[in-house]
């Protein structure tokens, strides 16, 4: 995806969040490129003052990427259970990051995990947790810490990945408003 397409998605996500919070109609993307019409999963991350404010995503898409970005932007702003839904006052100070995902790939060995390159999706029983590739880099984690933190995100003990857990890798094209 080129810079112009990345900027279009960031602008669309921002306008979508503002429209949702203020009760306005959602914006449309005029003449989206082929890349913006691809069927890719994505996550939209909202930060306020450098701190996480909302992050929701989907590994798969049944609609063009630009529409999936819109849907995830609305969800990150209003449906992340860790935060209250954004209010008009929150619109004065937030930044966005979008992660466009590769397809999931199940792994059989933790040696396949490349910290900083791969995100991790872990499923064990009814629990599941995901961490994006950039999270390990932001916190300076090694592979073991990344695994432990993914287990914690899933609400599992730190070593839950060692037995009867399904693990999937993915990569992400990550870009944000601070990259412009």
Protein backbone atom coordinates (compact mmCIF):
# COMPACT_ATOMS: atom_id res chain seq x y z
CA UNK A 1 0.00 0.00 0.00
CA UNK A 2 1.42 3.37 -0.91
CA UNK A 3 1.49 6.48 1.32
CA UNK A 4 -1.52 8.03 -0.41
CA UNK A 5 -3.62 4.92 0.29
CA UNK A 6 -2.40 4.77 3.89
CA UNK A 7 -3.33 8.43 4.38
CA UNK A 8 -6.75 7.82 2.82
CA UNK A 9 -7.43 5.02 5.33
CA UNK A 10 -6.22 7.11 8.28
CA UNK A 11 -8.37 10.06 7.21
CA UNK A 12 -11.35 7.76 6.67
CA UNK A 13 -10.92 6.19 10.12
CA UNK A 14 -10.66 9.62 11.77
CA UNK A 15 -13.70 11.01 9.95
CA UNK A 16 -15.64 7.81 10.75
CA UNK A 17 -14.87 8.07 14.47
CA UNK A 18 -15.83 11.74 14.55
CA UNK A 19 -19.07 11.06 12.66
CA UNK A 20 -19.96 8.14 14.93
CA UNK A 21 -19.33 10.05 18.15
CA UNK A 22 -21.29 13.10 16.98
CA UNK A 23 -24.13 11.12 15.38
CA UNK A 24 -23.39 12.15 11.80
CA UNK A 25 -23.59 9.92 8.69
CA UNK A 26 -20.46 7.88 7.98
CA UNK A 27 -18.18 9.17 5.22
CA UNK A 28 -17.72 7.25 1.98
CA UNK A 29 -14.49 6.68 0.13
CA UNK A 30 -14.73 7.92 -3.45
CA UNK A 31 -13.14 5.67 -6.08
CA UNK A 32 -11.02 3.46 -3.79
CA UNK A 33 -7.94 1.86 -5.34
CA UNK A 34 -7.57 -1.91 -5.81
CA UNK A 35 -5.46 -2.11 -2.63
CA UNK A 36 -8.21 -0.42 -0.61
CA UNK A 37 -10.75 -2.87 -2.03
CA UNK A 38 -8.74 -5.98 -1.09
CA UNK A 39 -10.20 -8.43 1.43
CA UNK A 40 -7.78 -8.01 4.32
CA UNK A 41 -8.22 -8.13 8.06
CA UNK A 42 -7.14 -5.12 10.05
CA UNK A 43 -6.94 -3.56 13.50
CA UNK A 44 -7.60 0.09 14.30
CA UNK A 45 -5.81 1.45 17.36
CA UNK A 46 -6.79 4.71 19.04
CA UNK A 47 -4.41 6.46 21.44
CA UNK A 48 -4.88 9.52 23.61
CA UNK A 49 -1.81 11.26 25.00
CA UNK A 50 0.27 8.27 23.88
CA UNK A 51 -1.86 5.79 25.85
CA UNK A 52 -4.10 3.08 24.44
CA UNK A 53 -7.72 4.29 24.16
CA UNK A 54 -9.22 1.53 22.04
CA UNK A 55 -8.14 -1.26 19.72
CA UNK A 56 -10.42 -3.60 17.82
CA UNK A 57 -9.78 -5.70 14.74
CA UNK A 58 -10.71 -8.65 12.62
CA UNK A 59 -8.48 -11.30 11.08
CA UNK A 60 -10.77 -11.80 8.11
CA UNK A 61 -12.88 -9.55 5.94
CA UNK A 62 -16.07 -10.05 4.00
CA UNK A 63 -15.95 -6.54 2.56
CA UNK A 64 -13.37 -4.21 1.03
CA UNK A 65 -10.50 -3.13 3.31
CA UNK A 66 -11.70 0.48 3.48
CA UNK A 67 -15.07 -0.69 4.84
CA UNK A 68 -13.39 -3.03 7.32
CA UNK A 69 -11.26 -0.10 8.53
CA UNK A 70 -14.45 1.91 9.00
CA UNK A 71 -16.12 -0.89 10.95
CA UNK A 72 -13.07 -1.43 13.19
CA UNK A 73 -12.71 2.33 13.77
CA UNK A 74 -16.31 2.50 15.03
CA UNK A 75 -15.72 -0.55 17.23
CA UNK A 76 -12.44 0.76 18.65
CA UNK A 77 -14.11 4.06 19.53
CA UNK A 78 -17.32 2.67 20.98
CA UNK A 79 -17.08 -1.07 21.73
CA UNK A 80 -13.69 -1.83 23.28
CA UNK A 81 -14.77 -3.23 26.65
CA UNK A 82 -11.65 -1.85 28.35
CA UNK A 83 -12.77 1.76 27.81
CA UNK A 84 -15.91 3.86 27.90
CA UNK A 85 -17.30 4.81 24.47
CA UNK A 86 -15.66 7.96 23.12
CA UNK A 87 -17.51 11.19 23.73
CA UNK A 88 -17.33 14.47 21.80
CA UNK A 89 -14.74 15.81 24.28
CA UNK A 90 -12.44 12.89 23.39
CA UNK A 91 -12.30 14.00 19.75
CA UNK A 92 -10.01 16.94 20.55
CA UNK A 93 -6.99 14.75 21.21
CA UNK A 94 -6.54 11.30 19.70
CA UNK A 95 -4.27 9.60 17.20
CA UNK A 96 -4.75 6.56 15.02
CA UNK A 97 -2.75 3.56 13.91
CA UNK A 98 -3.94 0.97 11.40
CA UNK A 99 -2.54 -2.53 11.07
CA UNK A 100 -3.44 -4.33 7.82
CA UNK A 101 -3.01 -8.05 8.44
CA UNK A 102 -1.67 -10.98 6.50
CA UNK A 103 -3.64 -14.25 6.68
CA UNK A 104 -3.21 -16.31 9.85
CA UNK A 105 -0.69 -19.16 9.74
CA UNK A 106 -0.83 -21.89 12.39
CA UNK A 107 2.53 -22.75 13.91
CA UNK A 108 3.87 -25.92 15.49
CA UNK A 109 6.95 -24.44 17.17
CA UNK A 110 7.58 -21.20 19.02
CA UNK A 111 10.86 -20.99 17.10
CA UNK A 112 8.76 -19.78 14.16
CA UNK A 113 7.86 -16.58 16.05
CA UNK A 114 9.97 -13.60 14.98
CA UNK A 115 9.47 -10.85 17.55
CA UNK A 116 8.75 -7.55 15.86
CA UNK A 117 7.73 -9.27 12.62
CA UNK A 118 4.91 -11.48 13.80
CA UNK A 119 1.77 -10.90 15.76
CA UNK A 120 0.45 -13.80 17.79
CA UNK A 121 -3.07 -15.19 18.14
CA UNK A 122 -3.46 -17.86 20.81
CA UNK A 123 -6.52 -20.03 21.43
CA UNK A 124 -6.95 -22.46 24.31
CA UNK A 125 -10.40 -23.78 25.15
CA UNK A 126 -12.80 -20.85 25.16
CA UNK A 127 -10.03 -18.31 25.75
CA UNK A 128 -8.21 -16.42 23.06
CA UNK A 129 -5.84 -13.48 22.95
CA UNK A 130 -4.02 -11.51 20.31
CA UNK A 131 -1.07 -9.13 20.34
CA UNK A 132 -0.04 -7.15 17.28
CA UNK A 133 3.60 -7.34 16.09
CA UNK A 134 4.38 -3.78 17.16
CA UNK A 135 3.38 -4.42 20.79
CA UNK A 136 6.45 -6.57 21.50
CA UNK A 137 8.69 -3.89 19.98
CA UNK A 138 7.03 -1.05 21.93
CA UNK A 139 7.69 -2.86 25.21
CA UNK A 140 11.07 -4.40 24.32
CA UNK A 141 9.85 -7.97 24.82
CA UNK A 142 11.68 -11.14 23.87
CA UNK A 143 9.85 -14.23 22.54
CA UNK A 144 9.15 -15.71 25.98
CA UNK A 145 7.70 -12.46 27.30
CA UNK A 146 5.60 -12.09 24.13
CA UNK A 147 4.18 -15.59 24.69
CA UNK A 148 3.48 -14.92 28.38
CA UNK A 149 1.79 -11.61 27.62
CA UNK A 150 -0.39 -13.19 24.90
CA UNK A 151 -1.49 -15.83 27.42
CA UNK A 152 -2.33 -13.08 29.92
CA UNK A 153 -4.29 -11.19 27.28
CA UNK A 154 -6.30 -14.40 26.78
CA UNK A 155 -6.97 -14.61 30.52
CA UNK A 156 -4.76 -17.69 30.86
CA UNK A 157 -1.77 -18.61 33.02
CA UNK A 158 1.61 -17.46 31.66
CA UNK A 159 2.59 -20.96 30.51
CA UNK A 160 -0.75 -21.91 28.92
CA UNK A 161 0.83 -21.89 25.46
CA UNK A 162 2.90 -24.99 26.33
CA UNK A 163 0.03 -27.51 26.21
CA UNK A 164 -3.07 -27.81 24.04
CA UNK A 165 -3.01 -24.26 22.74
CA UNK A 166 -3.37 -23.34 19.07
CA UNK A 167 -1.04 -20.55 18.02
CA UNK A 168 -1.20 -18.53 14.84
CA UNK A 169 1.23 -16.00 13.39
CA UNK A 170 0.46 -13.04 11.20
CA UNK A 171 2.35 -10.03 9.96
CA UNK A 172 1.00 -6.51 9.62
CA UNK A 173 1.56 -3.42 7.55
CA UNK A 174 1.43 -0.82 10.31
CA UNK A 175 1.03 2.91 9.75
CA UNK A 176 -0.23 5.77 11.82
CA UNK A 177 -0.88 9.46 11.90
CA UNK A 178 2.44 10.01 13.64
CA UNK A 179 4.19 8.49 10.57
CA UNK A 180 2.91 11.15 8.17
